[in-house]
Amino acid sequence: MSLKQETQEICSQYQIQPLRRRGQNFLISSDAINKLLDASNLEKSDYVIEIGAGLGTLTQEIAKKVKKVFAVEIDKKLVEVLKDKLKDCKNVEIISGDILDSKCCDAIMLQCCNDYKVVANLPFNITSAVLRKFLENSDAARGRDSDQERRRKPKLITLILQKEVGERILALPPKMNLLAISVQFYSKVKKIFKISKENFWPKPKVDSVILRITTQTSTDLTRTDTDSQRESVLKVDDEKFFKIVRAGFSSPRKYLLNNLVKSAIVNKEEGENILSQTNLSLKSRAQELSIENWIELVNRSVG
């Protein structure tokens, strides 16, 4: 029996109708699953959070390679499938809940005694929220050194995303966007593979990609001597950074200076001086700036 047939049979048995609004497109390709596993760099000592465990096909394979898997699933019908299918997987804990709910997410994070990894075939509609939750809890994001905060940092995030979303995250000037900045500020991102839409059931309208997102710790940042952008991240307040970035993108078609003035970040004279000091044109637009440009601009501003 093929993986597609097995998936369809399970859905029929449990009377499950995949929901488009929840991005329930199940992986039906062993090759795609193996590529995701390889990209995740899993080790026997790892704790893994799998977001959207679905029918447990990927969960079973992860469990063979790591110490413990927290399989998170919001759909109660799918949770019943997971309980039956994974009952013999002693290192899998099934979490019935929403990973975006702070209580649910924090409770899982605190059980990850070491640096953990996140693996997911992620619905596009929660991509931004999921990445914010995990990246902004990292040491690099908060600059905190307590044991409790360190436990909350994912060492690696490996995701299957819709191709268009992946391309947005990987964007560079002059096509930057808020999502790209939010991810690239806190991490290094690499495209690993393209995954054809034929590898899913039901078949989505677009292809997907596997992205590997490596979060940055203070040690990593200090060690990366040739990457001035990563050195600078340690020297900027992230709350101030994103306040100014959001203001800059408030009207993407307008000049950056106009957006900053309109958002009361600076007055016109201050803004002109800051852009001059950072070697940016007065006609610059937000999408044209690199992370390094933004960090310099933020550090020179008083907003």
C-alpha atoms as a PDB file:
ATOM      1  CA  MET A   1       0.000   0.000   0.000  1.00  0.00           C
ATOM      2  CA  SER A   2       1.369   3.427  -0.931  1.00  0.00           C
ATOM      3  CA  LEU A   3       1.651   6.218   1.613  1.00  0.00           C
ATOM      4  CA  LYS A   4      -1.115   8.069  -0.219  1.00  0.00           C
ATOM      5  CA  GLN A   5      -3.436   5.067  -0.007  1.00  0.00           C
ATOM      6  CA  GLU A   6      -2.595   4.586   3.658  1.00  0.00           C
ATOM      7  CA  THR A   7      -3.328   8.259   4.359  1.00  0.00           C
ATOM      8  CA  GLN A   8      -6.667   8.132   2.569  1.00  0.00           C
ATOM      9  CA  GLU A   9      -7.631   4.911   4.343  1.00  0.00           C
ATOM     10  CA  ILE A  10      -6.890   6.419   7.778  1.00  0.00           C
ATOM     11  CA  CYS A  11      -8.931   9.509   6.946  1.00  0.00           C
ATOM     12  CA  SER A  12     -11.824   7.301   5.810  1.00  0.00           C
ATOM     13  CA  GLN A  13     -11.606   5.116   8.919  1.00  0.00           C
ATOM     14  CA  TYR A  14     -11.687   8.088  11.302  1.00  0.00           C
ATOM     15  CA  GLN A  15     -14.103  10.124   9.139  1.00  0.00           C
ATOM     16  CA  ILE A  16     -11.579  12.905   8.662  1.00  0.00           C
ATOM     17  CA  GLN A  17     -12.076  15.480   5.935  1.00  0.00           C
ATOM     18  CA  PRO A  18      -8.832  17.481   5.538  1.00  0.00           C
ATOM     19  CA  LEU A  19      -9.499  21.156   6.232  1.00  0.00           C
ATOM     20  CA  ARG A  20      -8.037  23.703   3.831  1.00  0.00           C
ATOM     21  CA  ARG A  21      -8.346  26.497   6.426  1.00  0.00           C
ATOM     22  CA  ARG A  22      -5.960  24.569   8.688  1.00  0.00           C
ATOM     23  CA  GLY A  23      -3.566  23.744   5.900  1.00  0.00           C
ATOM     24  CA  GLN A  24      -4.167  20.001   6.257  1.00  0.00           C
ATOM     25  CA  ASN A  25      -2.170  18.760   3.289  1.00  0.00           C
ATOM     26  CA  PHE A  26      -0.567  15.512   4.424  1.00  0.00           C
ATOM     27  CA  LEU A  27       2.849  14.401   3.187  1.00  0.00           C
ATOM     28  CA  ILE A  28       2.485  11.255   1.069  1.00  0.00           C
ATOM     29  CA  SER A  29       6.074  10.948  -0.132  1.00  0.00           C
ATOM     30  CA  SER A  30       8.715   9.000   1.782  1.00  0.00           C
ATOM     31  CA  ASP A  31      11.376  10.847  -0.197  1.00  0.00           C
ATOM     32  CA  ALA A  32      10.047  14.244   0.933  1.00  0.00           C
ATOM     33  CA  ILE A  33       9.868  13.035   4.540  1.00  0.00           C
ATOM     34  CA  ASN A  34      13.474  11.802   4.386  1.00  0.00           C
ATOM     35  CA  LYS A  35      14.622  15.132   2.949  1.00  0.00           C
ATOM     36  CA  LEU A  36      12.926  16.959   5.816  1.00  0.00           C
ATOM     37  CA  LEU A  37      14.506  14.608   8.356  1.00  0.00           C
ATOM     38  CA  ASP A  38      17.964  15.035   6.803  1.00  0.00           C
ATOM     39  CA  ALA A  39      17.587  18.816   6.820  1.00  0.00           C
ATOM     40  CA  SER A  40      16.652  18.719  10.519  1.00  0.00           C
ATOM     41  CA  ASN A  41      20.051  17.284  11.570  1.00  0.00           C
ATOM     42  CA  LEU A  42      18.407  15.126  14.228  1.00  0.00           C
ATOM     43  CA  GLU A  43      20.504  13.497  16.959  1.00  0.00           C
ATOM     44  CA  LYS A  44      19.689  10.854  19.545  1.00  0.00           C
ATOM     45  CA  SER A  45      19.863  13.368  22.407  1.00  0.00           C
ATOM     46  CA  ASP A  46      17.419  15.840  20.797  1.00  0.00           C
ATOM     47  CA  TYR A  47      14.085  17.062  22.079  1.00  0.00           C
ATOM     48  CA  VAL A  48      11.827  17.910  19.131  1.00  0.00           C
ATOM     49  CA  ILE A  49       8.610  19.906  18.939  1.00  0.00           C
ATOM     50  CA  GLU A  50       6.580  18.872  15.908  1.00  0.00           C
ATOM     51  CA  ILE A  51       3.901  21.430  15.050  1.00  0.00           C
ATOM     52  CA  GLY A  52       0.837  19.956  13.393  1.00  0.00           C
ATOM     53  CA  ALA A  53       1.567  16.255  13.823  1.00  0.00           C
ATOM     54  CA  GLY A  54      -1.430  15.347  11.663  1.00  0.00           C
ATOM     55  CA  LEU A  55      -1.675  11.588  11.113  1.00  0.00           C
ATOM     56  CA  GLY A  56       1.680  10.880  12.775  1.00  0.00           C
ATOM     57  CA  THR A  57       3.529   9.698   9.666  1.00  0.00           C
ATOM     58  CA  LEU A  58       6.387  12.169  10.162  1.00  0.00           C
ATOM     59  CA  THR A  59       6.185  11.816  13.957  1.00  0.00           C
ATOM     60  CA  GLN A  60       6.989   8.099  13.797  1.00  0.00           C
ATOM     61  CA  GLU A  61      10.133   8.759  11.782  1.00  0.00           C
ATOM     62  CA  ILE A  62      11.305  11.588  14.031  1.00  0.00           C
ATOM     63  CA  ALA A  63      10.800   9.396  17.093  1.00  0.00           C
ATOM     64  CA  LYS A  64      13.234   6.804  15.735  1.00  0.00           C
ATOM     65  CA  LYS A  65      16.023   9.370  15.701  1.00  0.00           C
ATOM     66  CA  VAL A  66      15.625  11.473  18.879  1.00  0.00           C
ATOM     67  CA  LYS A  67      15.202  11.314  22.640  1.00  0.00           C
ATOM     68  CA  LYS A  68      11.692  12.791  22.800  1.00  0.00           C
ATOM     69  CA  VAL A  69       9.045  14.254  20.495  1.00  0.00           C
ATOM     70  CA  PHE A  70       6.312  16.649  21.571  1.00  0.00           C
ATOM     71  CA  ALA A  71       3.680  16.113  18.863  1.00  0.00           C
ATOM     72  CA  VAL A  72       1.363  19.127  18.896  1.00  0.00           C
ATOM     73  CA  GLU A  73      -1.996  18.926  17.121  1.00  0.00           C
ATOM     74  CA  ILE A  74      -4.950  21.308  17.322  1.00  0.00           C
ATOM     75  CA  ASP A  75      -7.500  19.075  15.552  1.00  0.00           C
ATOM     76  CA  LYS A  76      -9.148  16.747  18.062  1.00  0.00           C
ATOM     77  CA  LYS A  77      -9.991  14.113  15.421  1.00  0.00           C
ATOM     78  CA  LEU A  78      -6.341  13.935  14.414  1.00  0.00           C
ATOM     79  CA  VAL A  79      -5.334  13.685  18.074  1.00  0.00           C
ATOM     80  CA  GLU A  80      -7.376  10.474  18.297  1.00  0.00           C
ATOM     81  CA  VAL A  81      -5.506   9.095  15.286  1.00  0.00           C
ATOM     82  CA  LEU A  82      -2.178  10.018  16.890  1.00  0.00           C
ATOM     83  CA  LYS A  83      -3.096   8.293  20.155  1.00  0.00           C
ATOM     84  CA  ASP A  84      -3.878   5.068  18.314  1.00  0.00           C
ATOM     85  CA  LYS A  85      -1.038   5.189  15.816  1.00  0.00           C
ATOM     86  CA  LEU A  86       1.703   6.226  18.255  1.00  0.00           C
ATOM     87  CA  LYS A  87       0.670   4.225  21.305  1.00  0.00           C
ATOM     88  CA  ASP A  88       3.843   2.123  21.083  1.00  0.00           C
ATOM     89  CA  CYS A  89       6.158   5.123  20.648  1.00  0.00           C
ATOM     90  CA  LYS A  90       7.214   5.633  24.262  1.00  0.00           C
ATOM     91  CA  ASN A  91       9.244   8.746  23.511  1.00  0.00           C
ATOM     92  CA  VAL A  92       6.322  10.633  21.944  1.00  0.00           C
ATOM     93  CA  GLU A  93       4.099  12.925  24.006  1.00  0.00           C
ATOM     94  CA  ILE A  94       0.926  13.960  22.191  1.00  0.00           C
ATOM     95  CA  ILE A  95      -0.181  17.515  22.974  1.00  0.00           C
ATOM     96  CA  SER A  96      -3.776  18.365  22.117  1.00  0.00           C
ATOM     97  CA  GLY A  97      -3.669  22.129  21.770  1.00  0.00           C
ATOM     98  CA  ASP A  98      -2.692  25.239  19.870  1.00  0.00           C
ATOM     99  CA  ILE A  99       1.055  25.924  19.657  1.00  0.00           C
ATOM    100  CA  LEU A 100       0.233  29.642  19.413  1.00  0.00           C
ATOM    101  CA  ASP A 101      -1.409  29.543  22.840  1.00  0.00           C
ATOM    102  CA  SER A 102       1.234  30.820  25.259  1.00  0.00           C
ATOM    103  CA  LYS A 103       0.353  28.389  28.060  1.00  0.00           C
ATOM    104  CA  CYS A 104       0.563  25.412  25.724  1.00  0.00           C
ATOM    105  CA  CYS A 105       3.807  26.542  24.108  1.00  0.00           C
ATOM    106  CA  ASP A 106       5.549  27.563  27.336  1.00  0.00           C
ATOM    107  CA  ALA A 107       4.641  24.304  29.056  1.00  0.00           C
ATOM    108  CA  ILE A 108       6.287  22.327  26.248  1.00  0.00           C
ATOM    109  CA  MET A 109       9.376  24.553  26.134  1.00  0.00           C
ATOM    110  CA  LEU A 110      10.006  24.128  29.846  1.00  0.00           C
ATOM    111  CA  GLN A 111      10.123  20.341  29.429  1.00  0.00           C
ATOM    112  CA  CYS A 112      12.897  20.655  26.846  1.00  0.00           C
ATOM    113  CA  CYS A 113      15.823  20.364  29.220  1.00  0.00           C
ATOM    114  CA  ASN A 114      18.384  21.052  26.501  1.00  0.00           C
ATOM    115  CA  ASP A 115      18.381  23.063  23.303  1.00  0.00           C
ATOM    116  CA  TYR A 116      15.516  21.685  21.282  1.00  0.00           C
ATOM    117  CA  LYS A 117      14.556  21.613  17.627  1.00  0.00           C
ATOM    118  CA  VAL A 118      11.310  22.440  15.852  1.00  0.00           C
ATOM    119  CA  VAL A 119      10.112  20.443  12.840  1.00  0.00           C
ATOM    120  CA  ALA A 120       6.883  21.093  10.969  1.00  0.00           C
ATOM    121  CA  ASN A 121       4.907  20.857   7.769  1.00  0.00           C
ATOM    122  CA  LEU A 122       3.535  24.284   8.564  1.00  0.00           C
ATOM    123  CA  PRO A 123       0.233  25.814   7.352  1.00  0.00           C
ATOM    124  CA  PHE A 124       1.012  29.110   5.606  1.00  0.00           C
ATOM    125  CA  ASN A 125      -1.562  31.063   7.627  1.00  0.00           C
ATOM    126  CA  ILE A 126       0.305  30.577  10.927  1.00  0.00           C
ATOM    127  CA  THR A 127       3.873  30.824   9.617  1.00  0.00           C
ATOM    128  CA  SER A 128       4.567  34.373  10.810  1.00  0.00           C
ATOM    129  CA  ALA A 129       3.039  33.813  14.241  1.00  0.00           C
ATOM    130  CA  VAL A 130       4.917  30.541  14.814  1.00  0.00           C
ATOM    131  CA  LEU A 131       8.268  32.016  13.818  1.00  0.00           C
ATOM    132  CA  ARG A 132       7.745  35.065  16.025  1.00  0.00           C
ATOM    133  CA  LYS A 133       6.879  32.885  19.006  1.00  0.00           C
ATOM    134  CA  PHE A 134       9.970  30.704  18.739  1.00  0.00           C
ATOM    135  CA  LEU A 135      12.507  33.227  17.495  1.00  0.00           C
ATOM    136  CA  GLU A 136      11.541  35.980  19.911  1.00  0.00           C
ATOM    137  CA  ASN A 137      11.951  33.558  22.815  1.00  0.00           C
ATOM    138  CA  SER A 138      15.577  32.876  21.888  1.00  0.00           C
ATOM    139  CA  ASP A 139      18.676  34.119  23.707  1.00  0.00           C
ATOM    140  CA  ALA A 140      19.563  36.189  20.668  1.00  0.00           C
ATOM    141  CA  ALA A 141      16.140  37.802  20.703  1.00  0.00           C
ATOM    142  CA  ARG A 142      16.045  38.724  24.359  1.00  0.00           C
ATOM    143  CA  GLY A 143      19.653  38.853  25.387  1.00  0.00           C
ATOM    144  CA  ARG A 144      18.850  36.899  28.548  1.00  0.00           C
ATOM    145  CA  ASP A 145      21.200  34.358  30.074  1.00  0.00           C
ATOM    146  CA  SER A 146      19.135  32.601  32.734  1.00  0.00           C
ATOM    147  CA  ASP A 147      18.804  28.818  32.558  1.00  0.00           C
ATOM    148  CA  GLN A 148      15.040  29.096  32.156  1.00  0.00           C
ATOM    149  CA  GLU A 149      15.294  31.459  29.186  1.00  0.00           C
ATOM    150  CA  ARG A 150      18.054  29.372  27.608  1.00  0.00           C
ATOM    151  CA  ARG A 151      15.759  26.324  27.674  1.00  0.00           C
ATOM    152  CA  ARG A 152      13.237  28.234  25.594  1.00  0.00           C
ATOM    153  CA  LYS A 153      15.562  28.666  22.611  1.00  0.00           C
ATOM    154  CA  PRO A 154      15.213  26.304  19.633  1.00  0.00           C
ATOM    155  CA  LYS A 155      18.571  25.271  18.265  1.00  0.00           C
ATOM    156  CA  LEU A 156      17.151  24.671  14.807  1.00  0.00           C
ATOM    157  CA  ILE A 157      13.802  25.173  13.073  1.00  0.00           C
ATOM    158  CA  THR A 158      13.154  23.089   9.959  1.00  0.00           C
ATOM    159  CA  LEU A 159       9.944  23.764   8.087  1.00  0.00           C
ATOM    160  CA  ILE A 160       8.033  22.809   4.988  1.00  0.00           C
ATOM    161  CA  LEU A 161       6.380  26.004   3.766  1.00  0.00           C
ATOM    162  CA  GLN A 162       4.516  27.135   0.706  1.00  0.00           C
ATOM    163  CA  LYS A 163       7.058  28.228  -1.898  1.00  0.00           C
ATOM    164  CA  GLU A 164       5.840  31.833  -1.940  1.00  0.00           C
ATOM    165  CA  VAL A 165       6.129  32.131   1.849  1.00  0.00           C
ATOM    166  CA  GLY A 166       9.621  30.639   1.770  1.00  0.00           C
ATOM    167  CA  GLU A 167      10.657  33.135  -0.889  1.00  0.00           C
ATOM    168  CA  ARG A 168       9.354  36.005   1.238  1.00  0.00           C
ATOM    169  CA  ILE A 169      11.442  34.824   4.190  1.00  0.00           C
ATOM    170  CA  LEU A 170      14.554  34.524   2.004  1.00  0.00           C
ATOM    171  CA  ALA A 171      14.085  37.944   0.374  1.00  0.00           C
ATOM    172  CA  LEU A 172      16.978  40.403   0.048  1.00  0.00           C
ATOM    173  CA  PRO A 173      17.078  44.121  -0.806  1.00  0.00           C
ATOM    174  CA  PRO A 174      15.421  45.646  -2.786  1.00  0.00           C
ATOM    175  CA  LYS A 175      12.605  43.153  -2.066  1.00  0.00           C
ATOM    176  CA  MET A 176      12.748  42.956   1.728  1.00  0.00           C
ATOM    177  CA  ASN A 177       9.551  42.645   3.776  1.00  0.00           C
ATOM    178  CA  LEU A 178       8.547  42.495   7.427  1.00  0.00           C
ATOM    179  CA  LEU A 179       8.537  38.700   7.563  1.00  0.00           C
ATOM    180  CA  ALA A 180      12.033  38.451   6.058  1.00  0.00           C
ATOM    181  CA  ILE A 181      13.387  41.016   8.499  1.00  0.00           C
ATOM    182  CA  SER A 182      11.679  39.336  11.467  1.00  0.00           C
ATOM    183  CA  VAL A 183      13.317  35.998  10.658  1.00  0.00           C
ATOM    184  CA  GLN A 184      16.699  37.190   9.384  1.00  0.00           C
ATOM    185  CA  PHE A 185      17.204  39.513  12.364  1.00  0.00           C
ATOM    186  CA  TYR A 186      17.251  36.530  14.716  1.00  0.00           C
ATOM    187  CA  SER A 187      18.580  33.712  12.558  1.00  0.00           C
ATOM    188  CA  LYS A 188      20.328  32.402   9.483  1.00  0.00           C
ATOM    189  CA  VAL A 189      17.984  30.960   6.866  1.00  0.00           C
ATOM    190  CA  LYS A 190      18.795  28.462   4.134  1.00  0.00           C
ATOM    191  CA  LYS A 191      16.630  26.919   1.434  1.00  0.00           C
ATOM    192  CA  ILE A 192      17.264  23.169   1.382  1.00  0.00           C
ATOM    193  CA  PHE A 193      14.887  21.636  -1.162  1.00  0.00           C
ATOM    194  CA  LYS A 194      11.881  22.364  -3.318  1.00  0.00           C
ATOM    195  CA  ILE A 195       8.973  19.994  -2.645  1.00  0.00           C
ATOM    196  CA  SER A 196       6.474  19.474  -5.462  1.00  0.00           C
ATOM    197  CA  LYS A 197       2.777  19.805  -4.682  1.00  0.00           C
ATOM    198  CA  GLU A 198       2.453  16.219  -5.948  1.00  0.00           C
ATOM    199  CA  ASN A 199       3.969  15.079  -2.637  1.00  0.00           C
ATOM    200  CA  PHE A 200       0.862  16.083  -0.646  1.00  0.00           C
ATOM    201  CA  TRP A 201      -2.716  14.898  -0.275  1.00  0.00           C
ATOM    202  CA  PRO A 202      -4.982  16.693  -0.800  1.00  0.00           C
ATOM    203  CA  LYS A 203      -2.777  18.309  -3.433  1.00  0.00           C
ATOM    204  CA  PRO A 204      -2.288  22.034  -2.713  1.00  0.00           C
ATOM    205  CA  LYS A 205      -2.295  24.647  -5.455  1.00  0.00           C
ATOM    206  CA  VAL A 206       1.391  25.517  -5.131  1.00  0.00           C
ATOM    207  CA  ASP A 207       4.752  23.851  -4.523  1.00  0.00           C
ATOM    208  CA  SER A 208       6.573  24.035  -1.183  1.00  0.00           C
ATOM    209  CA  VAL A 209      10.133  24.403   0.073  1.00  0.00           C
ATOM    210  CA  ILE A 210      12.117  23.118   3.031  1.00  0.00           C
ATOM    211  CA  LEU A 211      13.799  25.900   5.002  1.00  0.00           C
ATOM    212  CA  ARG A 212      16.415  25.414   7.700  1.00  0.00           C
ATOM    213  CA  ILE A 213      16.437  28.280  10.214  1.00  0.00           C
ATOM    214  CA  THR A 214      19.411  28.344  12.577  1.00  0.00           C
ATOM    215  CA  THR A 215      18.835  30.586  15.561  1.00  0.00           C
ATOM    216  CA  GLN A 216      21.677  32.809  16.703  1.00  0.00           C
ATOM    217  CA  THR A 217      23.043  32.566  20.232  1.00  0.00           C
ATOM    218  CA  SER A 218      25.423  35.059  21.789  1.00  0.00           C
ATOM    219  CA  THR A 219      28.261  32.588  21.256  1.00  0.00           C
ATOM    220  CA  ASP A 220      27.429  32.242  17.574  1.00  0.00           C
ATOM    221  CA  LEU A 221      27.292  35.983  17.110  1.00  0.00           C
ATOM    222  CA  THR A 222      30.641  36.599  18.758  1.00  0.00           C
ATOM    223  CA  ARG A 223      32.273  33.831  16.779  1.00  0.00           C
ATOM    224  CA  THR A 224      31.065  35.073  13.377  1.00  0.00           C
ATOM    225  CA  ASP A 225      33.885  37.549  12.839  1.00  0.00           C
ATOM    226  CA  THR A 226      33.204  38.161   9.154  1.00  0.00           C
ATOM    227  CA  ASP A 227      29.505  38.845   9.540  1.00  0.00           C
ATOM    228  CA  SER A 228      29.116  42.407  10.772  1.00  0.00           C
ATOM    229  CA  GLN A 229      25.342  42.098  10.598  1.00  0.00           C
ATOM    230  CA  ARG A 230      25.327  39.364  13.240  1.00  0.00           C
ATOM    231  CA  GLU A 231      27.750  41.268  15.465  1.00  0.00           C
ATOM    232  CA  SER A 232      25.418  44.262  15.311  1.00  0.00           C
ATOM    233  CA  VAL A 233      22.364  42.306  16.460  1.00  0.00           C
ATOM    234  CA  LEU A 234      23.847  42.175  19.937  1.00  0.00           C
ATOM    235  CA  LYS A 235      24.004  45.967  20.052  1.00  0.00           C
ATOM    236  CA  VAL A 236      20.441  46.905  19.174  1.00  0.00           C
ATOM    237  CA  ASP A 237      17.289  46.875  21.276  1.00  0.00           C
ATOM    238  CA  ASP A 238      14.876  44.519  19.530  1.00  0.00           C
ATOM    239  CA  GLU A 239      11.728  46.313  20.740  1.00  0.00           C
ATOM    240  CA  LYS A 240      12.986  49.631  19.388  1.00  0.00           C
ATOM    241  CA  PHE A 241      14.218  47.900  16.232  1.00  0.00           C
ATOM    242  CA  PHE A 242      10.829  46.463  15.298  1.00  0.00           C
ATOM    243  CA  LYS A 243       8.939  49.597  16.306  1.00  0.00           C
ATOM    244  CA  ILE A 244      10.969  51.552  13.740  1.00  0.00           C
ATOM    245  CA  VAL A 245      10.902  48.786  11.101  1.00  0.00           C
ATOM    246  CA  ARG A 246       7.109  48.529  11.339  1.00  0.00           C
ATOM    247  CA  ALA A 247       6.868  52.296  10.968  1.00  0.00           C
ATOM    248  CA  GLY A 248       9.143  52.146   7.937  1.00  0.00           C
ATOM    249  CA  PHE A 249       6.887  49.569   6.275  1.00  0.00           C
ATOM    250  CA  SER A 250       3.613  51.280   7.249  1.00  0.00           C
ATOM    251  CA  SER A 251       3.161  52.463   3.636  1.00  0.00           C
ATOM    252  CA  PRO A 252       5.633  50.385   1.559  1.00  0.00           C
ATOM    253  CA  ARG A 253       5.171  52.437  -1.604  1.00  0.00           C
ATOM    254  CA  LYS A 254       6.069  55.681   0.152  1.00  0.00           C
ATOM    255  CA  TYR A 255       9.547  56.906   0.957  1.00  0.00           C
ATOM    256  CA  LEU A 256      11.005  55.629   4.215  1.00  0.00           C
ATOM    257  CA  LEU A 257      11.533  59.183   5.496  1.00  0.00           C
ATOM    258  CA  ASN A 258       7.860  60.062   5.047  1.00  0.00           C
ATOM    259  CA  ASN A 259       6.770  56.924   6.906  1.00  0.00           C
ATOM    260  CA  LEU A 260       9.094  57.602   9.845  1.00  0.00           C
ATOM    261  CA  VAL A 261       7.920  61.206  10.093  1.00  0.00           C
ATOM    262  CA  LYS A 262       4.244  60.231   9.837  1.00  0.00           C
ATOM    263  CA  SER A 263       4.727  57.617  12.582  1.00  0.00           C
ATOM    264  CA  ALA A 264       6.366  60.229  14.832  1.00  0.00           C
ATOM    265  CA  ILE A 265       9.632  58.302  14.996  1.00  0.00           C
ATOM    266  CA  VAL A 266      11.562  61.411  13.913  1.00  0.00           C
ATOM    267  CA  ASN A 267      10.817  64.861  12.596  1.00  0.00           C
ATOM    268  CA  LYS A 268      11.777  65.642   9.022  1.00  0.00           C
ATOM    269  CA  GLU A 269      15.098  67.312   9.879  1.00  0.00           C
ATOM    270  CA  GLU A 270      16.148  64.477  12.210  1.00  0.00           C
ATOM    271  CA  GLY A 271      15.176  61.899   9.602  1.00  0.00           C
ATOM    272  CA  GLU A 272      17.154  63.595   6.860  1.00  0.00           C
ATOM    273  CA  ASN A 273      20.217  63.733   9.104  1.00  0.00           C
ATOM    274  CA  ILE A 274      19.937  60.060  10.075  1.00  0.00           C
ATOM    275  CA  LEU A 275      19.531  58.914   6.466  1.00  0.00           C
ATOM    276  CA  SER A 276      22.534  61.014   5.482  1.00  0.00           C
ATOM    277  CA  GLN A 277      24.636  59.567   8.312  1.00  0.00           C
ATOM    278  CA  THR A 278      23.724  56.016   7.244  1.00  0.00           C
ATOM    279  CA  ASN A 279      24.489  56.745   3.572  1.00  0.00           C
ATOM    280  CA  LEU A 280      20.877  56.208   2.546  1.00  0.00           C
ATOM    281  CA  SER A 281      19.054  58.256  -0.061  1.00  0.00           C
ATOM    282  CA  LEU A 282      16.216  60.514   1.042  1.00  0.00           C
ATOM    283  CA  LYS A 283      14.169  58.582  -1.526  1.00  0.00           C
ATOM    284  CA  SER A 284      14.932  55.192   0.006  1.00  0.00           C
ATOM    285  CA  ARG A 285      12.020  52.818   0.577  1.00  0.00           C
ATOM    286  CA  ALA A 286      11.812  50.311   3.417  1.00  0.00           C
ATOM    287  CA  GLN A 287      12.152  47.253   1.170  1.00  0.00           C
ATOM    288  CA  GLU A 288      15.503  48.526  -0.120  1.00  0.00           C
ATOM    289  CA  LEU A 289      17.244  48.371   3.276  1.00  0.00           C
ATOM    290  CA  SER A 290      19.306  45.430   4.519  1.00  0.00           C
ATOM    291  CA  ILE A 291      19.216  44.223   8.124  1.00  0.00           C
ATOM    292  CA  GLU A 292      22.505  46.016   8.662  1.00  0.00           C
ATOM    293  CA  ASN A 293      21.051  49.259   7.276  1.00  0.00           C
ATOM    294  CA  TRP A 294      18.124  49.001   9.685  1.00  0.00           C
ATOM    295  CA  ILE A 295      20.369  48.327  12.678  1.00  0.00           C
ATOM    296  CA  GLU A 296      22.486  51.385  11.926  1.00  0.00           C
ATOM    297  CA  LEU A 297      19.404  53.530  11.355  1.00  0.00           C
ATOM    298  CA  VAL A 298      17.811  52.336  14.609  1.00  0.00           C
ATOM    299  CA  ASN A 299      20.975  52.951  16.628  1.00  0.00           C
ATOM    300  CA  ARG A 300      21.162  56.534  15.318  1.00  0.00           C
ATOM    301  CA  SER A 301      17.513  57.330  15.941  1.00  0.00           C
ATOM    302  CA  VAL A 302      15.907  58.506  19.154  1.00  0.00           C
ATOM    303  CA  GLY A 303      12.510  56.879  18.484  1.00  0.00           C
END
